[in-house]
Amino acid sequence: MALPQDVGVGLSERELEIIEHLARGLTNQEIAQVLSISKRTVDNHVSNIFTKTGTRNRVVLINWAMDHGKVCRDGFNCCHLPEPGGQAF
């Protein structure tokens, strides 16, 4: 099933950061510890990311992120994320 063309537009810098941590295999609790935020906040971000990307779980999200150049995995499909203050994807 193809996703709508505008899916993924409007991801915040924090959401992109969380996607990178998810791609590294971190749990929501581990992400919370790394970012010094609550697990509940990470849960909310992940839920918002699923909604914005049209994905339902982490595996589909990471595939989506690789397909859309949001994460780099082992030197494959690498991209450069915007600098702080830059345009969000």
Protein backbone atom coordinates (compact mmCIF):
# COMPACT_ATOMS: atom_id res chain seq x y z
CA MET A 1 0.00 0.00 0.00
CA ALA A 2 1.45 3.37 -1.00
CA LEU A 3 1.39 6.19 1.50
CA PRO A 4 0.00 9.63 0.63
CA GLN A 5 2.66 11.90 -0.82
CA ASP A 6 2.52 14.45 2.02
CA VAL A 7 2.91 11.84 4.77
CA GLY A 8 5.87 12.66 7.01
CA VAL A 9 5.72 16.36 6.35
CA GLY A 10 5.97 18.37 9.53
CA LEU A 11 8.17 16.09 11.64
CA SER A 12 9.83 18.20 14.33
CA GLU A 13 13.55 18.13 15.06
CA ARG A 14 12.79 16.21 18.27
CA GLU A 15 10.69 13.65 16.36
CA LEU A 16 13.54 13.14 13.88
CA GLU A 17 15.92 12.70 16.81
CA ILE A 18 13.61 10.07 18.31
CA ILE A 19 13.38 8.25 14.97
CA GLU A 20 17.20 8.05 14.93
CA HIS A 21 17.19 6.51 18.42
CA LEU A 22 14.44 4.06 17.42
CA ALA A 23 16.54 3.06 14.41
CA ARG A 24 19.39 2.26 16.80
CA GLY A 25 17.06 -0.12 18.65
CA LEU A 26 16.53 1.91 21.81
CA THR A 27 13.37 1.42 23.87
CA ASN A 28 11.18 4.36 24.83
CA GLN A 29 12.63 4.22 28.35
CA GLU A 30 16.19 4.29 27.01
CA ILE A 31 15.37 7.20 24.71
CA ALA A 32 13.87 9.07 27.68
CA GLN A 33 17.08 8.57 29.64
CA VAL A 34 19.31 9.69 26.75
CA LEU A 35 17.22 12.82 26.11
CA SER A 36 16.53 13.55 29.80
CA ILE A 37 12.76 13.55 29.27
CA SER A 38 10.00 11.35 30.67
CA LYS A 39 9.07 8.03 29.10
CA ARG A 40 5.53 9.38 28.76
CA THR A 41 6.86 12.24 26.61
CA VAL A 42 8.69 9.74 24.40
CA ASP A 43 5.50 7.66 24.18
CA ASN A 44 3.63 10.76 22.99
CA HIS A 45 6.33 11.61 20.43
CA VAL A 46 6.32 8.05 19.06
CA SER A 47 2.53 8.11 18.76
CA ASN A 48 2.69 11.44 16.92
CA ILE A 49 5.41 10.09 14.63
CA PHE A 50 3.26 7.06 13.76
CA THR A 51 0.37 9.39 12.91
CA LYS A 52 2.46 11.79 10.83
CA THR A 53 4.20 9.01 8.89
CA GLY A 54 1.15 6.79 8.47
CA THR A 55 2.96 3.88 10.11
CA ARG A 56 1.69 1.49 12.79
CA ASN A 57 4.80 0.00 14.39
CA ARG A 58 8.55 0.50 14.77
CA VAL A 59 9.56 -1.86 11.96
CA VAL A 60 7.34 -0.11 9.43
CA LEU A 61 8.46 3.28 10.78
CA ILE A 62 12.16 2.48 10.35
CA ASN A 63 11.52 1.19 6.82
CA TRP A 64 9.61 4.41 6.11
CA ALA A 65 12.45 6.49 7.59
CA MET A 66 15.05 4.72 5.43
CA ASP A 67 12.88 5.04 2.31
CA HIS A 68 12.47 8.78 2.97
CA GLY A 69 16.10 9.49 3.83
CA LYS A 70 15.45 10.25 7.50
CA VAL A 71 17.98 7.75 8.91
CA CYS A 72 21.28 6.25 7.89
CA ARG A 73 21.89 2.56 8.55
CA ASP A 74 25.40 1.12 8.28
CA GLY A 75 26.40 3.66 5.65
CA PHE A 76 23.37 2.83 3.50
CA ASN A 77 20.80 5.44 2.54
CA CYS A 78 22.61 8.19 4.45
CA CYS A 79 21.20 11.65 4.62
CA HIS A 80 22.00 14.93 6.28
CA LEU A 81 19.34 16.11 8.70
CA PRO A 82 18.66 19.85 8.95
CA GLU A 83 20.64 21.90 11.42
CA PRO A 84 18.74 23.27 14.43
CA GLY A 85 16.53 26.08 13.24
CA GLY A 86 16.41 24.57 9.75
CA GLN A 87 13.35 23.29 7.93
CA ALA A 88 11.64 20.31 9.54
CA PHE A 89 10.77 17.34 7.33
